[in-house]
Amino acid sequence: MPAICLIGMPGVGKSKIGHSMASLAGYDFIDTDLVINRQTGTSLNVTIDKIGADSFLEMEDAALLGIHPSETVIISPGGSSVFCDKGMAHIATFATILYLADTLKNIERRIINLETRGIVGLTELGGLDAVYEQRDPLYRKWAHHVVWLPEGFPFNPSVKTMAERLVADYINGVVRHP
């Protein structure tokens, strides 16, 4: 059974779907944002403001590199993890990487705490639309598969329904990375 890594924009549902997938499959769950929060003792936005984006990305890279290869883990890295070449290359050696893709409009609707969320590049690039444009090609570069979230997510289908679909397709099913 393969490990799964969920990448995508902030607010797309990586953590919620990943946690639900792990529960359904009996896998461990690792959220690298929470790993960094525990290390720093503070929220991501405070950490980024305090140490800067470059140092934050070094922490994110280290968090990815610190994940031991396992076939029974669901990984939810931060949205900026795709800037961490070493860490993402490490994850790609043992996990199927799924890009949870959605439209910018849907993502904006789900993010209620944009200014305090801790999004690398949000201020420097001038908004979430610019962050989306910058990151989408990187998500596609690292992803083994792109999974478009259906219109109406997370209400219809629910997080649990999406997690069940992904577990069926990518853990119990036959879809694997190349």
N, C-alpha and C. Protein backbone atom coordinates (compact mmCIF):
# COMPACT_ATOMS: atom_id res chain seq x y z
N MET A 1 0.84 -1.17 0.00
CA MET A 1 0.00 0.00 0.00
C MET A 1 0.89 1.24 0.00
N PRO A 2 0.58 2.21 -0.84
CA PRO A 2 1.48 3.35 -1.00
C PRO A 2 1.23 4.46 0.00
N ALA A 3 2.30 5.18 0.30
CA ALA A 3 2.17 6.43 1.04
C ALA A 3 1.58 7.46 0.08
N ILE A 4 0.89 8.46 0.63
CA ILE A 4 0.28 9.51 -0.16
C ILE A 4 0.72 10.85 0.39
N CYS A 5 1.05 11.77 -0.51
CA CYS A 5 1.37 13.15 -0.14
C CYS A 5 0.40 14.06 -0.89
N LEU A 6 -0.30 14.91 -0.17
CA LEU A 6 -1.27 15.83 -0.75
C LEU A 6 -0.67 17.23 -0.82
N ILE A 7 -0.54 17.76 -2.04
CA ILE A 7 -0.04 19.12 -2.20
C ILE A 7 -1.13 19.98 -2.81
N GLY A 8 -0.99 21.28 -2.64
CA GLY A 8 -1.95 22.21 -3.21
C GLY A 8 -1.96 23.51 -2.44
N MET A 9 -2.77 24.41 -2.95
CA MET A 9 -2.88 25.74 -2.37
C MET A 9 -3.38 25.71 -0.93
N PRO A 10 -3.02 26.73 -0.15
CA PRO A 10 -3.64 26.88 1.16
C PRO A 10 -5.16 26.96 0.99
N GLY A 11 -5.89 26.32 1.86
CA GLY A 11 -7.33 26.38 1.82
C GLY A 11 -7.99 25.35 0.92
N VAL A 12 -7.18 24.52 0.27
CA VAL A 12 -7.76 23.53 -0.64
C VAL A 12 -8.29 22.30 0.11
N GLY A 13 -7.81 22.09 1.33
CA GLY A 13 -8.31 20.98 2.14
C GLY A 13 -7.32 19.85 2.36
N LYS A 14 -6.03 20.12 2.16
CA LYS A 14 -5.02 19.06 2.30
C LYS A 14 -5.06 18.42 3.69
N SER A 15 -5.09 19.24 4.71
CA SER A 15 -5.05 18.71 6.08
C SER A 15 -6.33 17.95 6.43
N LYS A 16 -7.46 18.52 6.11
CA LYS A 16 -8.73 17.87 6.46
C LYS A 16 -8.91 16.57 5.67
N ILE A 17 -8.65 16.61 4.37
CA ILE A 17 -8.78 15.40 3.57
C ILE A 17 -7.74 14.37 3.99
N GLY A 18 -6.50 14.82 4.21
CA GLY A 18 -5.43 13.91 4.62
C GLY A 18 -5.71 13.22 5.94
N HIS A 19 -6.18 13.98 6.91
CA HIS A 19 -6.51 13.40 8.21
C HIS A 19 -7.62 12.37 8.06
N SER A 20 -8.63 12.70 7.27
CA SER A 20 -9.74 11.76 7.04
C SER A 20 -9.26 10.51 6.30
N MET A 21 -8.39 10.69 5.30
CA MET A 21 -7.84 9.54 4.57
C MET A 21 -7.07 8.62 5.51
N ALA A 22 -6.25 9.22 6.37
CA ALA A 22 -5.45 8.43 7.30
C ALA A 22 -6.34 7.63 8.24
N SER A 23 -7.40 8.24 8.73
CA SER A 23 -8.33 7.53 9.61
C SER A 23 -8.99 6.37 8.88
N LEU A 24 -9.42 6.61 7.65
CA LEU A 24 -10.10 5.56 6.88
C LEU A 24 -9.17 4.40 6.55
N ALA A 25 -7.91 4.71 6.22
CA ALA A 25 -6.97 3.68 5.77
C ALA A 25 -6.17 3.06 6.91
N GLY A 26 -6.26 3.62 8.11
CA GLY A 26 -5.45 3.13 9.21
C GLY A 26 -3.99 3.55 9.07
N TYR A 27 -3.76 4.68 8.43
CA TYR A 27 -2.42 5.21 8.20
C TYR A 27 -2.07 6.26 9.26
N ASP A 28 -0.78 6.55 9.39
CA ASP A 28 -0.34 7.70 10.18
C ASP A 28 -0.60 8.95 9.37
N PHE A 29 -0.69 10.09 10.04
CA PHE A 29 -0.91 11.37 9.37
C PHE A 29 0.13 12.37 9.83
N ILE A 30 0.78 13.02 8.88
CA ILE A 30 1.78 14.04 9.20
C ILE A 30 1.40 15.33 8.48
N ASP A 31 1.22 16.39 9.25
CA ASP A 31 0.95 17.72 8.72
C ASP A 31 2.18 18.56 9.03
N THR A 32 2.95 18.92 8.01
CA THR A 32 4.21 19.62 8.28
C THR A 32 3.99 21.02 8.86
N ASP A 33 2.85 21.63 8.59
CA ASP A 33 2.56 22.92 9.24
C ASP A 33 2.51 22.74 10.76
N LEU A 34 1.88 21.65 11.21
CA LEU A 34 1.81 21.39 12.65
C LEU A 34 3.18 21.06 13.22
N VAL A 35 4.01 20.36 12.45
CA VAL A 35 5.39 20.06 12.89
C VAL A 35 6.13 21.37 13.13
N ILE A 36 6.01 22.31 12.19
CA ILE A 36 6.69 23.60 12.33
C ILE A 36 6.09 24.40 13.48
N ASN A 37 4.77 24.37 13.64
CA ASN A 37 4.14 25.07 14.77
C ASN A 37 4.68 24.56 16.10
N ARG A 38 4.84 23.24 16.23
CA ARG A 38 5.37 22.66 17.47
C ARG A 38 6.82 23.08 17.69
N GLN A 39 7.61 23.12 16.61
CA GLN A 39 9.02 23.51 16.74
C GLN A 39 9.16 24.96 17.18
N THR A 40 8.35 25.83 16.62
CA THR A 40 8.49 27.27 16.90
C THR A 40 7.65 27.73 18.08
N GLY A 41 6.63 26.97 18.42
CA GLY A 41 5.74 27.37 19.51
C GLY A 41 4.81 28.51 19.13
N THR A 42 4.67 28.76 17.83
CA THR A 42 3.82 29.86 17.39
C THR A 42 3.17 29.53 16.05
N SER A 43 2.30 30.40 15.60
CA SER A 43 1.59 30.16 14.34
C SER A 43 2.52 30.41 13.14
N LEU A 44 2.10 29.91 11.99
CA LEU A 44 2.92 30.06 10.77
C LEU A 44 3.11 31.53 10.41
N ASN A 45 2.05 32.33 10.47
CA ASN A 45 2.21 33.73 10.07
C ASN A 45 3.18 34.47 10.98
N VAL A 46 3.16 34.19 12.26
CA VAL A 46 4.11 34.82 13.18
C VAL A 46 5.53 34.34 12.88
N THR A 47 5.68 33.04 12.62
CA THR A 47 7.00 32.49 12.28
C THR A 47 7.55 33.13 11.01
N ILE A 48 6.72 33.20 9.97
CA ILE A 48 7.16 33.80 8.70
C ILE A 48 7.54 35.27 8.90
N ASP A 49 6.72 36.02 9.64
CA ASP A 49 7.02 37.43 9.91
C ASP A 49 8.32 37.59 10.70
N LYS A 50 8.55 36.67 11.63
CA LYS A 50 9.71 36.76 12.51
C LYS A 50 11.03 36.37 11.82
N ILE A 51 11.01 35.28 11.04
CA ILE A 51 12.27 34.78 10.47
C ILE A 51 12.40 35.02 8.97
N GLY A 52 11.31 35.37 8.31
CA GLY A 52 11.35 35.62 6.87
C GLY A 52 11.04 34.36 6.07
N ALA A 53 10.64 34.58 4.83
CA ALA A 53 10.20 33.48 3.96
C ALA A 53 11.32 32.48 3.69
N ASP A 54 12.53 32.97 3.43
CA ASP A 54 13.62 32.05 3.10
C ASP A 54 13.94 31.10 4.26
N SER A 55 14.01 31.63 5.47
CA SER A 55 14.28 30.77 6.63
C SER A 55 13.11 29.83 6.90
N PHE A 56 11.89 30.32 6.66
CA PHE A 56 10.73 29.45 6.83
C PHE A 56 10.79 28.29 5.85
N LEU A 57 11.14 28.56 4.61
CA LEU A 57 11.23 27.49 3.61
C LEU A 57 12.33 26.49 3.97
N GLU A 58 13.39 26.94 4.61
CA GLU A 58 14.42 26.01 5.10
C GLU A 58 13.82 25.09 6.17
N MET A 59 12.99 25.65 7.05
CA MET A 59 12.32 24.83 8.08
C MET A 59 11.37 23.83 7.42
N GLU A 60 10.66 24.29 6.40
CA GLU A 60 9.72 23.40 5.71
C GLU A 60 10.47 22.27 5.00
N ASP A 61 11.59 22.61 4.37
CA ASP A 61 12.41 21.60 3.71
C ASP A 61 12.90 20.57 4.73
N ALA A 62 13.37 21.04 5.88
CA ALA A 62 13.85 20.14 6.93
C ALA A 62 12.72 19.24 7.44
N ALA A 63 11.52 19.80 7.56
CA ALA A 63 10.38 18.99 8.01
C ALA A 63 10.09 17.87 7.01
N LEU A 64 10.15 18.17 5.73
CA LEU A 64 9.93 17.14 4.70
C LEU A 64 11.03 16.09 4.73
N LEU A 65 12.28 16.55 4.84
CA LEU A 65 13.41 15.63 4.87
C LEU A 65 13.40 14.75 6.12
N GLY A 66 12.74 15.22 7.17
CA GLY A 66 12.67 14.47 8.42
C GLY A 66 11.60 13.38 8.43
N ILE A 67 10.82 13.29 7.37
CA ILE A 67 9.79 12.25 7.31
C ILE A 67 10.43 10.96 6.83
N HIS A 68 10.33 9.93 7.65
CA HIS A 68 10.92 8.63 7.32
C HIS A 68 10.04 7.90 6.32
N PRO A 69 10.65 7.32 5.30
CA PRO A 69 9.86 6.58 4.31
C PRO A 69 8.99 5.51 4.97
N SER A 70 7.74 5.52 4.59
CA SER A 70 6.77 4.56 5.12
C SER A 70 5.71 4.34 4.06
N GLU A 71 5.18 3.15 4.03
CA GLU A 71 4.10 2.87 3.09
C GLU A 71 2.74 3.18 3.69
N THR A 72 2.70 3.49 4.98
CA THR A 72 1.41 3.71 5.63
C THR A 72 1.34 5.09 6.27
N VAL A 73 1.53 6.11 5.44
CA VAL A 73 1.47 7.48 5.93
C VAL A 73 0.79 8.36 4.88
N ILE A 74 0.01 9.31 5.38
CA ILE A 74 -0.55 10.38 4.55
C ILE A 74 0.15 11.65 5.00
N ILE A 75 0.73 12.37 4.05
CA ILE A 75 1.50 13.58 4.35
C ILE A 75 0.77 14.79 3.78
N SER A 76 0.63 15.79 4.62
CA SER A 76 0.04 17.06 4.19
C SER A 76 1.07 18.15 4.45
N PRO A 77 1.89 18.47 3.44
CA PRO A 77 2.86 19.54 3.63
C PRO A 77 2.21 20.90 3.43
N GLY A 78 2.89 21.94 3.86
CA GLY A 78 2.38 23.28 3.64
C GLY A 78 2.31 23.61 2.16
N GLY A 79 1.50 24.59 1.83
CA GLY A 79 1.32 24.97 0.44
C GLY A 79 2.59 25.43 -0.25
N SER A 80 3.55 25.93 0.52
CA SER A 80 4.81 26.40 -0.07
C SER A 80 5.87 25.31 -0.16
N SER A 81 5.52 24.09 0.21
CA SER A 81 6.48 22.99 0.19
C SER A 81 7.06 22.74 -1.21
N VAL A 82 6.33 23.14 -2.24
CA VAL A 82 6.80 22.90 -3.61
C VAL A 82 8.02 23.75 -3.97
N PHE A 83 8.39 24.68 -3.11
CA PHE A 83 9.63 25.43 -3.28
C PHE A 83 10.82 24.69 -2.68
N CYS A 84 10.57 23.60 -1.98
CA CYS A 84 11.59 22.84 -1.25
C CYS A 84 12.01 21.64 -2.09
N ASP A 85 12.94 21.85 -3.00
CA ASP A 85 13.32 20.80 -3.95
C ASP A 85 13.85 19.54 -3.27
N LYS A 86 14.71 19.69 -2.29
CA LYS A 86 15.27 18.50 -1.62
C LYS A 86 14.19 17.71 -0.89
N GLY A 87 13.36 18.43 -0.15
CA GLY A 87 12.30 17.76 0.61
C GLY A 87 11.28 17.09 -0.29
N MET A 88 10.87 17.76 -1.35
CA MET A 88 9.89 17.17 -2.27
C MET A 88 10.48 15.97 -3.01
N ALA A 89 11.74 16.07 -3.39
CA ALA A 89 12.40 14.93 -4.05
C ALA A 89 12.44 13.73 -3.10
N HIS A 90 12.70 13.99 -1.83
CA HIS A 90 12.70 12.91 -0.82
C HIS A 90 11.33 12.26 -0.74
N ILE A 91 10.29 13.06 -0.63
CA ILE A 91 8.92 12.53 -0.52
C ILE A 91 8.57 11.72 -1.77
N ALA A 92 8.99 12.20 -2.93
CA ALA A 92 8.67 11.53 -4.20
C ALA A 92 9.29 10.13 -4.29
N THR A 93 10.30 9.83 -3.45
CA THR A 93 10.93 8.51 -3.51
C THR A 93 10.05 7.42 -2.90
N PHE A 94 9.07 7.81 -2.07
CA PHE A 94 8.26 6.77 -1.43
C PHE A 94 6.76 7.05 -1.41
N ALA A 95 6.34 8.20 -1.89
CA ALA A 95 4.92 8.53 -1.83
C ALA A 95 4.36 8.89 -3.20
N THR A 96 3.10 8.57 -3.40
CA THR A 96 2.36 9.06 -4.55
C THR A 96 1.92 10.48 -4.21
N ILE A 97 2.30 11.43 -5.03
CA ILE A 97 2.01 12.84 -4.76
C ILE A 97 0.79 13.26 -5.57
N LEU A 98 -0.24 13.71 -4.84
CA LEU A 98 -1.48 14.15 -5.44
C LEU A 98 -1.62 15.65 -5.29
N TYR A 99 -1.82 16.33 -6.40
CA TYR A 99 -2.09 17.77 -6.37
C TYR A 99 -3.60 17.94 -6.26
N LEU A 100 -4.06 18.40 -5.11
CA LEU A 100 -5.47 18.72 -4.92
C LEU A 100 -5.71 20.09 -5.54
N ALA A 101 -6.26 20.10 -6.72
CA ALA A 101 -6.42 21.34 -7.49
C ALA A 101 -7.85 21.86 -7.36
N ASP A 102 -7.95 23.18 -7.36
CA ASP A 102 -9.25 23.82 -7.33
C ASP A 102 -9.11 25.19 -7.97
N THR A 103 -10.23 25.81 -8.27
CA THR A 103 -10.19 27.14 -8.86
C THR A 103 -9.84 28.16 -7.77
N LEU A 104 -9.25 29.25 -8.19
CA LEU A 104 -8.92 30.32 -7.25
C LEU A 104 -10.19 30.82 -6.56
N LYS A 105 -11.27 30.94 -7.30
CA LYS A 105 -12.54 31.41 -6.73
C LYS A 105 -12.98 30.52 -5.57
N ASN A 106 -12.92 29.21 -5.75
CA ASN A 106 -13.32 28.30 -4.68
C ASN A 106 -12.39 28.38 -3.48
N ILE A 107 -11.09 28.50 -3.74
CA ILE A 107 -10.12 28.61 -2.65
C ILE A 107 -10.36 29.89 -1.85
N GLU A 108 -10.56 30.99 -2.55
CA GLU A 108 -10.82 32.27 -1.87
C GLU A 108 -12.07 32.18 -0.99
N ARG A 109 -13.07 31.47 -1.45
CA ARG A 109 -14.30 31.30 -0.68
C ARG A 109 -14.06 30.54 0.63
N ARG A 110 -13.13 29.58 0.60
CA ARG A 110 -12.87 28.75 1.78
C ARG A 110 -11.94 29.41 2.79
N ILE A 111 -11.05 30.27 2.35
CA ILE A 111 -10.09 30.87 3.29
C ILE A 111 -10.74 32.07 3.98
N ILE A 112 -10.96 31.92 5.27
CA ILE A 112 -11.59 33.01 6.02
C ILE A 112 -10.56 33.84 6.79
N ASN A 113 -9.35 33.35 6.88
CA ASN A 113 -8.32 34.02 7.67
C ASN A 113 -7.09 34.34 6.82
N LEU A 114 -7.29 34.90 5.67
CA LEU A 114 -6.21 35.11 4.70
C LEU A 114 -5.01 35.84 5.30
N GLU A 115 -5.24 36.92 6.01
CA GLU A 115 -4.15 37.74 6.53
C GLU A 115 -3.38 37.08 7.67
N THR A 116 -3.99 36.15 8.37
CA THR A 116 -3.32 35.52 9.50
C THR A 116 -2.99 34.05 9.24
N ARG A 117 -3.15 33.62 8.02
CA ARG A 117 -2.98 32.20 7.70
C ARG A 117 -1.50 31.78 7.62
N GLY A 118 -0.62 32.67 7.23
CA GLY A 118 0.78 32.31 7.09
C GLY A 118 1.08 31.74 5.72
N ILE A 119 0.88 32.56 4.69
CA ILE A 119 1.09 32.12 3.31
C ILE A 119 2.33 32.81 2.76
N VAL A 120 3.37 32.01 2.47
CA VAL A 120 4.62 32.54 1.94
C VAL A 120 4.34 33.25 0.62
N GLY A 121 4.77 34.52 0.52
CA GLY A 121 4.67 35.28 -0.71
C GLY A 121 3.39 36.08 -0.87
N LEU A 122 2.43 35.93 0.03
CA LEU A 122 1.14 36.60 -0.12
C LEU A 122 1.30 38.12 -0.24
N THR A 123 2.04 38.71 0.67
CA THR A 123 2.23 40.17 0.65
C THR A 123 3.17 40.57 -0.47
N GLU A 124 4.28 39.86 -0.61
CA GLU A 124 5.30 40.21 -1.59
C GLU A 124 4.77 40.12 -3.03
N LEU A 125 3.92 39.15 -3.29
CA LEU A 125 3.39 38.96 -4.64
C LEU A 125 2.13 39.77 -4.90
N GLY A 126 1.52 40.29 -3.84
CA GLY A 126 0.37 41.17 -4.01
C GLY A 126 -0.98 40.50 -3.95
N GLY A 127 -1.06 39.29 -3.44
CA GLY A 127 -2.37 38.67 -3.26
C GLY A 127 -2.39 37.19 -3.59
N LEU A 128 -3.51 36.58 -3.25
CA LEU A 128 -3.66 35.14 -3.43
C LEU A 128 -3.65 34.74 -4.91
N ASP A 129 -4.16 35.60 -5.77
CA ASP A 129 -4.17 35.27 -7.21
C ASP A 129 -2.76 35.12 -7.75
N ALA A 130 -1.84 35.98 -7.31
CA ALA A 130 -0.45 35.89 -7.75
C ALA A 130 0.24 34.66 -7.17
N VAL A 131 -0.09 34.32 -5.91
CA VAL A 131 0.46 33.12 -5.28
C VAL A 131 -0.01 31.89 -6.07
N TYR A 132 -1.27 31.85 -6.43
CA TYR A 132 -1.84 30.74 -7.21
C TYR A 132 -1.11 30.60 -8.55
N GLU A 133 -0.94 31.72 -9.26
CA GLU A 133 -0.25 31.69 -10.56
C GLU A 133 1.19 31.20 -10.42
N GLN A 134 1.86 31.60 -9.35
CA GLN A 134 3.25 31.20 -9.14
C GLN A 134 3.36 29.71 -8.80
N ARG A 135 2.44 29.21 -7.99
CA ARG A 135 2.57 27.85 -7.47
C ARG A 135 1.97 26.77 -8.36
N ASP A 136 0.93 27.07 -9.09
CA ASP A 136 0.26 26.03 -9.88
C ASP A 136 1.25 25.23 -10.74
N PRO A 137 2.16 25.88 -11.48
CA PRO A 137 3.12 25.08 -12.27
C PRO A 137 4.02 24.19 -11.40
N LEU A 138 4.34 24.65 -10.19
CA LEU A 138 5.18 23.85 -9.29
C LEU A 138 4.41 22.65 -8.73
N TYR A 139 3.14 22.84 -8.41
CA TYR A 139 2.33 21.71 -7.96
C TYR A 139 2.26 20.66 -9.06
N ARG A 140 2.08 21.11 -10.30
CA ARG A 140 1.99 20.19 -11.43
C ARG A 140 3.33 19.48 -11.68
N LYS A 141 4.42 20.21 -11.44
CA LYS A 141 5.76 19.62 -11.61
C LYS A 141 5.96 18.44 -10.65
N TRP A 142 5.58 18.60 -9.40
CA TRP A 142 5.83 17.57 -8.40
C TRP A 142 4.77 16.47 -8.37
N ALA A 143 3.57 16.76 -8.84
CA ALA A 143 2.47 15.80 -8.71
C ALA A 143 2.61 14.62 -9.65
N HIS A 144 2.31 13.45 -9.12
CA HIS A 144 2.16 12.26 -9.96
C HIS A 144 0.77 12.26 -10.61
N HIS A 145 -0.19 12.84 -9.89
CA HIS A 145 -1.57 12.93 -10.38
C HIS A 145 -2.18 14.25 -9.93
N VAL A 146 -3.01 14.83 -10.77
CA VAL A 146 -3.77 16.03 -10.42
C VAL A 146 -5.20 15.58 -10.14
N VAL A 147 -5.70 15.94 -8.98
CA VAL A 147 -7.07 15.59 -8.57
C VAL A 147 -7.85 16.90 -8.42
N TRP A 148 -8.75 17.16 -9.35
CA TRP A 148 -9.58 18.36 -9.27
C TRP A 148 -10.69 18.14 -8.26
N LEU A 149 -10.81 19.08 -7.33
CA LEU A 149 -11.90 19.00 -6.36
C LEU A 149 -13.19 19.41 -7.04
N PRO A 150 -14.27 18.68 -6.80
CA PRO A 150 -15.53 19.01 -7.45
C PRO A 150 -16.13 20.31 -6.93
N GLU A 151 -16.89 20.96 -7.79
CA GLU A 151 -17.62 22.17 -7.39
C GLU A 151 -18.48 21.83 -6.18
N GLY A 152 -18.50 22.71 -5.20
CA GLY A 152 -19.30 22.47 -4.01
C GLY A 152 -18.53 21.90 -2.84
N PHE A 153 -17.31 21.40 -3.07
CA PHE A 153 -16.50 20.87 -1.97
C PHE A 153 -16.21 22.02 -1.02
N PRO A 154 -16.26 21.87 0.29
CA PRO A 154 -16.34 20.66 1.10
C PRO A 154 -17.75 20.31 1.57
N PHE A 155 -18.74 20.96 1.01
CA PHE A 155 -20.11 20.69 1.47
C PHE A 155 -20.75 19.54 0.71
N ASN A 156 -20.59 19.53 -0.59
CA ASN A 156 -21.11 18.44 -1.40
C ASN A 156 -20.17 18.27 -2.59
N PRO A 157 -19.30 17.33 -2.62
CA PRO A 157 -19.14 16.26 -1.64
C PRO A 157 -18.41 16.74 -0.38
N SER A 158 -18.57 15.98 0.66
CA SER A 158 -17.95 16.32 1.94
C SER A 158 -16.48 15.90 1.95
N VAL A 159 -15.78 16.35 2.99
CA VAL A 159 -14.38 15.95 3.19
C VAL A 159 -14.31 14.42 3.27
N LYS A 160 -15.21 13.81 4.03
CA LYS A 160 -15.19 12.36 4.18
C LYS A 160 -15.41 11.65 2.84
N THR A 161 -16.32 12.16 2.04
CA THR A 161 -16.59 11.55 0.73
C THR A 161 -15.36 11.66 -0.17
N MET A 162 -14.71 12.83 -0.18
CA MET A 162 -13.49 13.00 -0.98
C MET A 162 -12.40 12.06 -0.49
N ALA A 163 -12.25 11.96 0.83
CA ALA A 163 -11.24 11.06 1.40
C ALA A 163 -11.53 9.61 1.01
N GLU A 164 -12.79 9.21 1.06
CA GLU A 164 -13.16 7.85 0.67
C GLU A 164 -12.81 7.60 -0.79
N ARG A 165 -13.07 8.56 -1.66
CA ARG A 165 -12.74 8.41 -3.08
C ARG A 165 -11.23 8.26 -3.28
N LEU A 166 -10.47 9.09 -2.59
CA LEU A 166 -9.01 9.04 -2.76
C LEU A 166 -8.43 7.75 -2.19
N VAL A 167 -8.92 7.30 -1.06
CA VAL A 167 -8.47 6.02 -0.51
C VAL A 167 -8.81 4.89 -1.48
N ALA A 168 -10.02 4.91 -2.02
CA ALA A 168 -10.43 3.86 -2.96
C ALA A 168 -9.55 3.87 -4.21
N ASP A 169 -9.26 5.04 -4.72
CA ASP A 169 -8.49 5.15 -5.97
C ASP A 169 -6.99 4.95 -5.78
N TYR A 170 -6.43 5.56 -4.76
CA TYR A 170 -4.97 5.63 -4.65
C TYR A 170 -4.36 4.72 -3.59
N ILE A 171 -5.16 4.16 -2.71
CA ILE A 171 -4.62 3.22 -1.72
C ILE A 171 -5.14 1.82 -2.00
N ASN A 172 -6.45 1.67 -2.09
CA ASN A 172 -7.03 0.35 -2.36
C ASN A 172 -7.07 0.02 -3.84
N GLY A 173 -7.04 1.04 -4.67
CA GLY A 173 -7.16 0.85 -6.12
C GLY A 173 -5.84 0.55 -6.79
N VAL A 174 -5.80 0.79 -8.06
CA VAL A 174 -4.63 0.42 -8.85
C VAL A 174 -3.82 1.62 -9.32
N VAL A 175 -4.26 2.83 -9.01
CA VAL A 175 -3.55 4.01 -9.48
C VAL A 175 -2.29 4.20 -8.64
N ARG A 176 -1.17 4.24 -9.29
CA ARG A 176 0.12 4.42 -8.61
C ARG A 176 0.94 5.46 -9.37
N HIS A 177 1.95 5.98 -8.70
CA HIS A 177 2.82 6.93 -9.42
C HIS A 177 3.76 6.16 -10.33
N PRO A 178 4.25 6.86 -11.36
CA PRO A 178 5.14 6.18 -12.34
C PRO A 178 6.42 5.66 -11.71
